[in-house]
């Protein structure tokens, strides 16, 4: 990964597909910055254990991007 800190709009939101968003609407909106930020650790845990998204685990690089976003303070 580069020295670029991931941001929600440029790097995180695009990782969540429309189908992912639809599957999670009962809990929160994956395209809403504040809701993802508020639930970031729980989302990261599920991404790491492969239970999210429901149709198959993310590649490790995408999980690393999400973790880097958290580590950077969840920039918008």
N, C-alpha and C. Protein backbone atom coordinates (compact mmCIF):
# COMPACT_ATOMS: atom_id res chain seq x y z
N UNK A 1 0.85 -1.19 0.00
CA UNK A 1 0.00 0.00 0.00
C UNK A 1 0.89 1.24 0.00
N UNK A 2 0.44 2.28 -0.63
CA UNK A 2 1.21 3.52 -0.73
C UNK A 2 1.12 4.31 0.57
N UNK A 3 1.75 5.50 0.56
CA UNK A 3 1.70 6.39 1.71
C UNK A 3 0.34 7.08 1.83
N UNK A 4 -0.49 6.91 0.83
CA UNK A 4 -1.83 7.50 0.80
C UNK A 4 -2.69 6.87 1.90
N UNK A 5 -3.26 7.71 2.76
CA UNK A 5 -4.22 7.22 3.74
C UNK A 5 -5.57 7.10 3.06
N UNK A 6 -6.20 5.95 3.19
CA UNK A 6 -7.51 5.78 2.54
C UNK A 6 -8.56 6.72 3.12
N UNK A 7 -9.44 7.19 2.27
CA UNK A 7 -10.57 8.00 2.70
C UNK A 7 -11.86 7.23 2.40
N UNK A 8 -12.91 7.60 3.10
CA UNK A 8 -14.18 6.89 2.91
C UNK A 8 -14.67 7.03 1.47
N UNK A 9 -14.79 8.26 0.99
CA UNK A 9 -15.37 8.48 -0.33
C UNK A 9 -14.55 7.85 -1.45
N UNK A 10 -13.23 7.97 -1.39
CA UNK A 10 -12.38 7.49 -2.49
C UNK A 10 -12.05 6.01 -2.39
N UNK A 11 -11.90 5.48 -1.19
CA UNK A 11 -11.35 4.14 -1.04
C UNK A 11 -12.25 3.11 -0.35
N UNK A 12 -13.08 3.54 0.57
CA UNK A 12 -13.87 2.60 1.36
C UNK A 12 -15.26 2.39 0.76
N UNK A 13 -15.98 3.45 0.54
CA UNK A 13 -17.34 3.32 0.00
C UNK A 13 -17.37 2.49 -1.29
N UNK A 14 -16.41 2.68 -2.22
CA UNK A 14 -16.44 1.87 -3.45
C UNK A 14 -16.24 0.36 -3.23
N UNK A 15 -15.71 -0.02 -2.07
CA UNK A 15 -15.53 -1.45 -1.79
C UNK A 15 -16.86 -2.14 -1.53
N UNK A 16 -17.85 -1.38 -1.06
CA UNK A 16 -19.15 -1.95 -0.75
C UNK A 16 -20.05 -1.88 -1.98
N UNK A 17 -20.44 -3.03 -2.47
CA UNK A 17 -21.32 -3.12 -3.64
C UNK A 17 -22.77 -2.80 -3.25
N UNK A 18 -23.57 -2.53 -4.25
CA UNK A 18 -25.00 -2.28 -4.01
C UNK A 18 -25.62 -3.45 -3.27
N UNK A 19 -25.24 -4.68 -3.63
CA UNK A 19 -25.80 -5.86 -2.97
C UNK A 19 -25.37 -5.93 -1.50
N UNK A 20 -24.14 -5.50 -1.20
CA UNK A 20 -23.69 -5.47 0.20
C UNK A 20 -24.53 -4.48 0.99
N UNK A 21 -24.73 -3.31 0.39
CA UNK A 21 -25.52 -2.27 1.04
C UNK A 21 -26.93 -2.78 1.33
N UNK A 22 -27.53 -3.41 0.33
CA UNK A 22 -28.88 -3.93 0.49
C UNK A 22 -28.99 -4.98 1.59
N UNK A 23 -27.96 -5.83 1.69
CA UNK A 23 -27.98 -6.90 2.69
C UNK A 23 -27.84 -6.36 4.10
N UNK A 24 -27.27 -5.18 4.26
CA UNK A 24 -27.02 -4.63 5.60
C UNK A 24 -27.97 -3.52 6.01
N UNK A 25 -28.95 -3.18 5.17
CA UNK A 25 -29.84 -2.06 5.50
C UNK A 25 -30.58 -2.26 6.82
N UNK A 26 -30.76 -3.51 7.25
CA UNK A 26 -31.44 -3.75 8.52
C UNK A 26 -30.63 -3.21 9.70
N UNK A 27 -29.31 -3.08 9.53
CA UNK A 27 -28.44 -2.66 10.62
C UNK A 27 -27.94 -1.22 10.44
N UNK A 28 -27.42 -0.93 9.25
CA UNK A 28 -26.89 0.40 8.92
C UNK A 28 -26.62 0.48 7.44
N UNK A 29 -26.34 1.70 6.97
CA UNK A 29 -26.11 1.97 5.55
C UNK A 29 -24.60 1.97 5.27
N UNK A 30 -24.14 1.00 4.49
CA UNK A 30 -22.72 0.90 4.18
C UNK A 30 -22.21 2.03 3.30
N UNK A 31 -23.08 2.83 2.75
CA UNK A 31 -22.65 3.97 1.94
C UNK A 31 -22.72 5.28 2.72
N UNK A 32 -23.03 5.20 4.01
CA UNK A 32 -23.13 6.38 4.86
C UNK A 32 -21.88 6.47 5.73
N UNK A 33 -21.10 7.52 5.53
CA UNK A 33 -19.83 7.67 6.25
C UNK A 33 -19.99 7.53 7.76
N UNK A 34 -20.90 8.29 8.35
CA UNK A 34 -21.05 8.27 9.81
C UNK A 34 -21.43 6.89 10.33
N UNK A 35 -22.30 6.18 9.61
CA UNK A 35 -22.73 4.86 10.06
C UNK A 35 -21.60 3.84 9.94
N UNK A 36 -20.82 3.92 8.88
CA UNK A 36 -19.69 3.00 8.73
C UNK A 36 -18.62 3.32 9.77
N UNK A 37 -18.35 4.59 9.97
CA UNK A 37 -17.37 4.99 10.99
C UNK A 37 -17.78 4.47 12.36
N UNK A 38 -19.04 4.64 12.71
CA UNK A 38 -19.56 4.21 14.01
C UNK A 38 -19.45 2.70 14.19
N UNK A 39 -19.54 1.95 13.11
CA UNK A 39 -19.53 0.48 13.17
C UNK A 39 -18.24 -0.12 12.61
N UNK A 40 -17.20 0.69 12.45
CA UNK A 40 -15.98 0.27 11.75
C UNK A 40 -15.33 -0.97 12.35
N UNK A 41 -15.18 -1.02 13.66
CA UNK A 41 -14.51 -2.18 14.27
C UNK A 41 -15.30 -3.47 14.05
N UNK A 42 -16.60 -3.40 14.20
CA UNK A 42 -17.45 -4.57 13.96
C UNK A 42 -17.40 -5.02 12.51
N UNK A 43 -17.41 -4.06 11.61
CA UNK A 43 -17.31 -4.38 10.19
C UNK A 43 -15.96 -5.04 9.92
N UNK A 44 -14.89 -4.46 10.45
CA UNK A 44 -13.55 -5.00 10.23
C UNK A 44 -13.45 -6.44 10.73
N UNK A 45 -14.01 -6.70 11.90
CA UNK A 45 -13.98 -8.06 12.45
C UNK A 45 -14.66 -9.04 11.52
N UNK A 46 -15.81 -8.65 11.01
CA UNK A 46 -16.56 -9.53 10.10
C UNK A 46 -15.84 -9.69 8.76
N UNK A 47 -15.21 -8.63 8.28
CA UNK A 47 -14.43 -8.74 7.05
C UNK A 47 -13.26 -9.69 7.24
N UNK A 48 -12.60 -9.58 8.39
CA UNK A 48 -11.43 -10.43 8.67
C UNK A 48 -11.80 -11.90 8.85
N UNK A 49 -12.96 -12.17 9.45
CA UNK A 49 -13.33 -13.57 9.65
C UNK A 49 -14.11 -14.15 8.47
N UNK A 50 -14.34 -13.32 7.45
CA UNK A 50 -14.97 -13.79 6.22
C UNK A 50 -16.47 -13.91 6.26
N UNK A 51 -17.12 -13.41 7.33
CA UNK A 51 -18.58 -13.49 7.40
C UNK A 51 -19.26 -12.31 6.73
N UNK A 52 -18.48 -11.37 6.26
CA UNK A 52 -19.01 -10.22 5.54
C UNK A 52 -18.06 -9.94 4.39
N UNK A 53 -18.54 -9.72 3.20
CA UNK A 53 -19.94 -9.81 2.78
C UNK A 53 -20.43 -11.26 2.79
N UNK A 54 -21.73 -11.40 2.69
CA UNK A 54 -22.34 -12.72 2.88
C UNK A 54 -22.08 -13.68 1.72
N UNK A 55 -21.63 -13.17 0.58
CA UNK A 55 -21.41 -14.08 -0.56
C UNK A 55 -19.94 -14.46 -0.76
N UNK A 56 -19.10 -14.15 0.21
CA UNK A 56 -17.69 -14.53 0.12
C UNK A 56 -16.79 -13.46 0.68
N UNK A 57 -15.67 -13.89 1.21
CA UNK A 57 -14.74 -12.98 1.87
C UNK A 57 -14.08 -12.02 0.88
N UNK A 58 -13.73 -10.84 1.38
CA UNK A 58 -12.95 -9.88 0.60
C UNK A 58 -11.53 -10.41 0.43
N UNK A 59 -10.86 -10.00 -0.63
CA UNK A 59 -9.43 -10.30 -0.75
C UNK A 59 -8.68 -9.60 0.38
N UNK A 60 -7.57 -10.18 0.84
CA UNK A 60 -6.81 -9.58 1.94
C UNK A 60 -6.45 -8.11 1.72
N UNK A 61 -6.16 -7.70 0.50
CA UNK A 61 -5.78 -6.31 0.24
C UNK A 61 -6.93 -5.35 0.58
N UNK A 62 -8.16 -5.76 0.32
CA UNK A 62 -9.31 -4.90 0.64
C UNK A 62 -9.51 -4.80 2.15
N UNK A 63 -9.31 -5.91 2.85
CA UNK A 63 -9.42 -5.89 4.31
C UNK A 63 -8.33 -4.97 4.87
N UNK A 64 -7.13 -5.06 4.32
CA UNK A 64 -6.02 -4.21 4.76
C UNK A 64 -6.34 -2.74 4.53
N UNK A 65 -6.98 -2.42 3.40
CA UNK A 65 -7.38 -1.04 3.13
C UNK A 65 -8.37 -0.55 4.17
N UNK A 66 -9.33 -1.39 4.52
CA UNK A 66 -10.31 -1.01 5.54
C UNK A 66 -9.63 -0.79 6.89
N UNK A 67 -8.71 -1.68 7.26
CA UNK A 67 -7.98 -1.53 8.52
C UNK A 67 -7.12 -0.26 8.50
N UNK A 68 -6.50 0.02 7.36
CA UNK A 68 -5.67 1.24 7.25
C UNK A 68 -6.54 2.48 7.42
N UNK A 69 -7.75 2.44 6.90
CA UNK A 69 -8.69 3.55 7.05
C UNK A 69 -9.00 3.77 8.53
N UNK A 70 -9.26 2.70 9.26
CA UNK A 70 -9.51 2.82 10.70
C UNK A 70 -8.28 3.40 11.40
N UNK A 71 -7.10 2.84 11.08
CA UNK A 71 -5.87 3.28 11.71
C UNK A 71 -5.57 4.77 11.45
N UNK A 72 -6.04 5.26 10.30
CA UNK A 72 -5.83 6.67 9.94
C UNK A 72 -6.87 7.58 10.59
N UNK A 73 -7.79 7.01 11.37
CA UNK A 73 -8.79 7.83 12.05
C UNK A 73 -10.08 7.95 11.28
N UNK A 74 -10.32 7.07 10.33
CA UNK A 74 -11.56 7.04 9.54
C UNK A 74 -11.81 8.35 8.80
N UNK A 75 -10.82 8.83 8.01
CA UNK A 75 -11.06 10.07 7.29
C UNK A 75 -12.19 9.95 6.27
N UNK A 76 -12.93 11.04 6.14
CA UNK A 76 -14.06 11.03 5.20
C UNK A 76 -13.55 11.15 3.78
